[in-house]
């Protein structure tokens, strides 16, 4: 293989070549996982030599994170069409659930690689910054769906973006494991849980109209009570000071105990 001319590391050509190599290596990484993959192993399963890979990537970590960043950049736009076209909360929930289940079928090993690297970031400091950035982008992706679903259902999200992401991420990871392990019904269960979770988040906050009605009722009750107190005070003033004592409240003569 002819030796490639050396591009400037910051040039567009260098970045494009890295992206091309990362895309080619992604399948091998997804199949073998982090622990069983090396640059030499990737070279044996692609059309690129070990020297070319090592030239564009300083080590395995550099290559793997480049692969995952590219893949997740596509993932975060996966639900944009569903959010943009849904005309009801039910339609959005069904579309979200269907798309989530389908991506497990189409790209299950790639999702497995992501969870593998996220766990590795607990031990490998060089992963942490990239993993945190990818996690943040996935959280924003989920939050867009949650906010739009709540809007279509006439409610507001009752949880934080971080909690919403944690809920859906947990459901997704469990279903992914079930599917990859051959558990029947894993995707059916996933779709059901996604729809239920979205509905639960939307119902967690009171409807704006209900909150307004409750506030109006509270204000009316307070005003009624104030008017009642004012009428009683006015009535006492009209009767005068002596009339405030009830005839039944006449003082009794003190009883003197018998000495016998």
Protein backbone atom coordinates (compact mmCIF):
# COMPACT_ATOMS: atom_id res chain seq x y z
CA UNK A 1 0.00 0.00 0.00
CA UNK A 2 1.38 3.40 -0.98
CA UNK A 3 2.32 5.66 1.87
CA UNK A 4 -0.09 8.54 2.36
CA UNK A 5 1.15 12.11 2.19
CA UNK A 6 1.09 13.60 5.66
CA UNK A 7 -1.70 16.18 6.08
CA UNK A 8 -1.68 18.90 8.67
CA UNK A 9 -3.46 17.52 11.82
CA UNK A 10 -5.74 20.56 12.05
CA UNK A 11 -6.66 20.63 8.37
CA UNK A 12 -10.12 19.66 7.05
CA UNK A 13 -8.51 16.81 5.11
CA UNK A 14 -7.06 15.33 8.27
CA UNK A 15 -10.43 15.49 10.06
CA UNK A 16 -12.24 13.96 7.06
CA UNK A 17 -9.74 11.08 6.92
CA UNK A 18 -10.16 10.41 10.63
CA UNK A 19 -13.93 10.34 10.20
CA UNK A 20 -13.61 7.89 7.32
CA UNK A 21 -11.35 5.58 9.28
CA UNK A 22 -13.54 5.77 12.36
CA UNK A 23 -16.62 4.83 10.34
CA UNK A 24 -14.79 1.81 8.90
CA UNK A 25 -13.64 0.70 12.36
CA UNK A 26 -17.02 1.11 14.03
CA UNK A 27 -18.39 -2.32 13.10
CA UNK A 28 -15.34 -4.14 14.46
CA UNK A 29 -15.44 -2.15 17.67
CA UNK A 30 -19.14 -2.85 18.11
CA UNK A 31 -18.65 -6.57 17.60
CA UNK A 32 -15.60 -7.04 19.81
CA UNK A 33 -16.05 -4.35 22.46
CA UNK A 34 -13.44 -2.18 24.13
CA UNK A 35 -11.42 -4.83 25.98
CA UNK A 36 -10.93 -7.16 23.00
CA UNK A 37 -10.14 -4.49 20.40
CA UNK A 38 -6.74 -3.10 19.44
CA UNK A 39 -5.57 -1.00 16.51
CA UNK A 40 -4.02 -4.11 15.00
CA UNK A 41 -7.29 -6.03 15.38
CA UNK A 42 -9.20 -3.22 13.68
CA UNK A 43 -6.63 -3.14 10.84
CA UNK A 44 -7.14 -6.87 10.27
CA UNK A 45 -10.89 -6.34 9.87
CA UNK A 46 -10.76 -3.24 7.65
CA UNK A 47 -9.05 -2.18 4.44
CA UNK A 48 -6.61 0.02 6.34
CA UNK A 49 -3.18 -0.93 7.63
CA UNK A 50 -2.13 -0.74 11.23
CA UNK A 51 0.33 2.02 10.29
CA UNK A 52 -2.41 4.18 8.74
CA UNK A 53 -4.63 3.83 11.80
CA UNK A 54 -1.77 4.64 14.13
CA UNK A 55 -0.89 7.66 12.01
CA UNK A 56 -4.34 9.24 12.35
CA UNK A 57 -5.08 8.09 15.90
CA UNK A 58 -2.61 8.28 18.75
CA UNK A 59 -4.04 5.15 20.42
CA UNK A 60 -7.06 2.88 20.71
CA UNK A 61 -8.88 5.29 23.02
CA UNK A 62 -8.58 8.10 20.49
CA UNK A 63 -10.03 5.92 17.72
CA UNK A 64 -12.84 4.49 19.83
CA UNK A 65 -14.03 7.86 21.08
CA UNK A 66 -13.92 9.27 17.55
CA UNK A 67 -16.14 6.36 16.43
CA UNK A 68 -18.63 6.79 19.25
CA UNK A 69 -18.83 10.58 18.93
CA UNK A 70 -19.70 10.24 15.24
CA UNK A 71 -22.31 7.58 15.89
CA UNK A 72 -24.00 9.40 18.76
CA UNK A 73 -24.05 12.64 16.76
CA UNK A 74 -26.42 10.83 14.40
CA UNK A 75 -28.38 9.30 17.26
CA UNK A 76 -29.35 12.60 18.86
CA UNK A 77 -31.31 13.62 15.76
CA UNK A 78 -33.15 10.30 15.48
CA UNK A 79 -36.37 11.51 17.10
CA UNK A 80 -36.47 15.00 15.60
CA UNK A 81 -38.89 14.02 12.84
CA UNK A 82 -41.23 12.33 15.32
CA UNK A 83 -41.25 15.45 17.49
CA UNK A 84 -41.79 17.75 14.52
CA UNK A 85 -44.65 15.80 12.90
CA UNK A 86 -46.65 14.46 15.86
CA UNK A 87 -50.04 16.13 16.22
CA UNK A 88 -51.05 14.52 19.51
CA UNK A 89 -49.41 13.24 22.67
CA UNK A 90 -50.42 9.65 21.87
CA UNK A 91 -48.93 9.87 18.38
CA UNK A 92 -45.67 11.22 19.75
CA UNK A 93 -45.46 8.53 22.43
CA UNK A 94 -46.09 5.74 19.92
CA UNK A 95 -43.56 7.17 17.45
CA UNK A 96 -40.93 7.58 20.15
CA UNK A 97 -41.47 4.02 21.36
CA UNK A 98 -41.42 2.52 17.86
CA UNK A 99 -38.25 4.35 16.86
CA UNK A 100 -36.50 3.39 20.08
CA UNK A 101 -37.35 -0.27 19.59
CA UNK A 102 -36.26 -0.22 15.94
CA UNK A 103 -32.85 1.24 16.74
CA UNK A 104 -32.19 -1.73 19.04
CA UNK A 105 -32.93 -4.06 16.13
CA UNK A 106 -30.83 -2.08 13.64
CA UNK A 107 -27.93 -0.98 15.84
CA UNK A 108 -27.97 -3.08 18.98
CA UNK A 109 -24.23 -3.81 18.98
CA UNK A 110 -23.43 -0.10 18.57
CA UNK A 111 -25.55 0.74 21.59
CA UNK A 112 -23.78 -2.06 23.47
CA UNK A 113 -20.44 -0.42 22.63
CA UNK A 114 -21.69 2.89 24.06
CA UNK A 115 -22.66 1.29 27.37
CA UNK A 116 -19.34 -0.56 27.41
CA UNK A 117 -17.44 2.72 27.09
CA UNK A 118 -19.61 4.47 29.64
CA UNK A 119 -18.72 1.82 32.19
CA UNK A 120 -15.05 2.01 31.19
CA UNK A 121 -15.11 5.75 31.91
CA UNK A 122 -15.45 4.86 35.59
CA UNK A 123 -11.92 3.42 35.36
CA UNK A 124 -10.37 5.27 32.42
CA UNK A 125 -10.07 9.04 32.98
CA UNK A 126 -9.37 9.69 29.29
CA UNK A 127 -12.94 8.62 28.46
CA UNK A 128 -14.73 10.82 30.94
CA UNK A 129 -14.92 14.16 29.17
CA UNK A 130 -16.24 12.63 25.94
CA UNK A 131 -18.66 10.33 27.73
CA UNK A 132 -20.03 13.24 29.75
CA UNK A 133 -20.49 15.34 26.59
CA UNK A 134 -22.29 12.50 24.80
CA UNK A 135 -24.49 11.87 27.84
CA UNK A 136 -25.44 15.55 27.91
CA UNK A 137 -26.42 15.48 24.22
CA UNK A 138 -28.55 12.37 24.77
CA UNK A 139 -30.21 14.05 27.74
CA UNK A 140 -31.14 17.04 25.58
CA UNK A 141 -32.52 14.66 22.96
CA UNK A 142 -34.81 12.96 25.48
CA UNK A 143 -35.85 16.27 27.01
CA UNK A 144 -37.05 17.58 23.65
CA UNK A 145 -39.41 14.62 23.42
CA UNK A 146 -40.62 15.03 27.02
CA UNK A 147 -41.31 18.74 26.63
CA UNK A 148 -43.19 18.31 23.34
CA UNK A 149 -45.25 15.43 24.74
CA UNK A 150 -46.22 17.49 27.77
CA UNK A 151 -47.13 20.40 25.50
CA UNK A 152 -49.36 18.21 23.33
CA UNK A 153 -51.05 16.75 26.41
CA UNK A 154 -51.71 20.19 27.91
CA UNK A 155 -49.40 19.68 30.86
CA UNK A 156 -45.85 20.37 31.98
CA UNK A 157 -42.95 18.01 32.73
CA UNK A 158 -42.99 17.10 36.39
CA UNK A 159 -39.32 16.07 36.57
CA UNK A 160 -35.91 17.50 35.72
CA UNK A 161 -34.14 16.78 32.40
CA UNK A 162 -31.60 14.63 34.23
CA UNK A 163 -34.26 12.46 35.87
CA UNK A 164 -36.20 12.07 32.62
CA UNK A 165 -33.04 10.93 30.85
CA UNK A 166 -32.18 8.49 33.63
CA UNK A 167 -35.64 6.92 33.43
CA UNK A 168 -35.57 6.36 29.68
CA UNK A 169 -31.93 5.34 29.65
CA UNK A 170 -32.65 2.67 32.25
CA UNK A 171 -35.63 1.34 30.30
CA UNK A 172 -33.62 1.33 27.07
CA UNK A 173 -30.56 -0.38 28.51
CA UNK A 174 -32.61 -3.13 30.16
CA UNK A 175 -34.49 -3.78 26.91
CA UNK A 176 -31.25 -3.77 24.92
CA UNK A 177 -29.78 -6.41 27.20
CA UNK A 178 -32.94 -8.49 26.94
CA UNK A 179 -32.95 -8.30 23.15
CA UNK A 180 -29.24 -9.17 22.79
CA UNK A 181 -29.69 -12.07 25.22
CA UNK A 182 -32.58 -13.41 23.14
CA UNK A 183 -35.38 -12.64 25.60
CA UNK A 184 -38.71 -12.83 23.83
CA UNK A 185 -40.96 -9.84 24.23
CA UNK A 186 -38.14 -7.45 25.14
CA UNK A 187 -39.10 -4.91 22.48
CA UNK A 188 -42.84 -5.17 23.16
CA UNK A 189 -42.11 -4.49 26.82
CA UNK A 190 -39.86 -1.56 25.85
CA UNK A 191 -42.57 0.14 23.81
CA UNK A 192 -45.12 -0.31 26.56
CA UNK A 193 -42.80 1.11 29.21
CA UNK A 194 -41.78 4.09 27.05
CA UNK A 195 -45.42 5.06 26.50
CA UNK A 196 -46.26 4.60 30.19
CA UNK A 197 -43.22 6.62 31.29
CA UNK A 198 -44.01 9.51 28.98
CA UNK A 199 -47.60 9.58 30.20
CA UNK A 200 -46.49 9.49 33.81
CA UNK A 201 -44.11 12.40 33.36
CA UNK A 202 -46.80 14.51 31.72
CA UNK A 203 -49.32 13.75 34.46
CA UNK A 204 -46.86 14.54 37.22
CA UNK A 205 -47.53 18.27 36.88
CA UNK A 206 -51.04 19.76 37.24
CA UNK A 207 -52.76 21.09 34.15
CA UNK A 208 -52.41 24.85 33.84
CA UNK A 209 -56.18 25.29 33.73
CA UNK A 210 -56.67 23.17 36.83
CA UNK A 211 -54.06 25.15 38.71
CA UNK A 212 -55.77 28.40 37.68
CA UNK A 213 -59.17 27.10 38.80
CA UNK A 214 -57.75 25.99 42.14
CA UNK A 215 -56.21 29.41 42.66
CA UNK A 216 -59.50 31.15 41.82
CA UNK A 217 -61.41 28.97 44.26
CA UNK A 218 -58.89 29.63 47.01
CA UNK A 219 -59.11 33.38 46.41
CA UNK A 220 -62.93 33.33 46.43
CA UNK A 221 -63.02 31.39 49.70
CA UNK A 222 -60.61 33.83 51.32
CA UNK A 223 -62.69 36.83 50.23
CA UNK A 224 -65.89 35.20 51.51
CA UNK A 225 -64.31 34.60 54.90
CA UNK A 226 -63.09 38.20 55.07
CA UNK A 227 -66.58 39.53 54.28
CA UNK A 228 -68.12 37.33 56.98
CA UNK A 229 -65.66 38.58 59.59
CA UNK A 230 -66.34 42.18 58.55
CA UNK A 231 -70.15 41.75 58.86
CA UNK A 232 -69.83 40.27 62.34
CA UNK A 233 -67.60 43.13 63.46
CA UNK A 234 -70.06 45.68 62.05
CA UNK A 235 -72.97 43.98 63.79
CA UNK A 236 -71.21 44.14 67.17
CA UNK A 237 -70.47 47.85 66.69
CA UNK A 238 -74.15 48.60 65.97
CA UNK A 239 -75.38 46.78 69.12
CA UNK A 240 -72.97 48.70 71.32
CA UNK A 241 -70.66 47.52 74.05
CA UNK A 242 -73.36 46.25 76.43
CA UNK A 243 -75.05 44.17 73.79
CA UNK A 244 -71.99 42.08 73.28
CA UNK A 245 -72.71 40.31 76.60
CA UNK A 246 -75.28 37.55 76.27
CA UNK A 247 -78.14 37.52 78.82
CA UNK A 248 -77.22 33.95 79.59
CA UNK A 249 -73.75 35.04 80.57
CA UNK A 250 -74.87 36.82 83.80
CA UNK A 251 -72.34 36.40 86.57
CA UNK A 252 -73.36 34.04 89.34
CA UNK A 253 -73.03 34.82 93.05
CA UNK A 254 -70.11 33.02 94.60
CA UNK A 255 -71.01 29.93 96.59
CA UNK A 256 -69.88 29.92 100.23
CA UNK A 257 -69.03 26.53 101.52
CA UNK A 258 -70.79 25.46 104.72
CA UNK A 259 -68.66 25.21 107.79
CA UNK A 260 -70.73 22.21 108.95
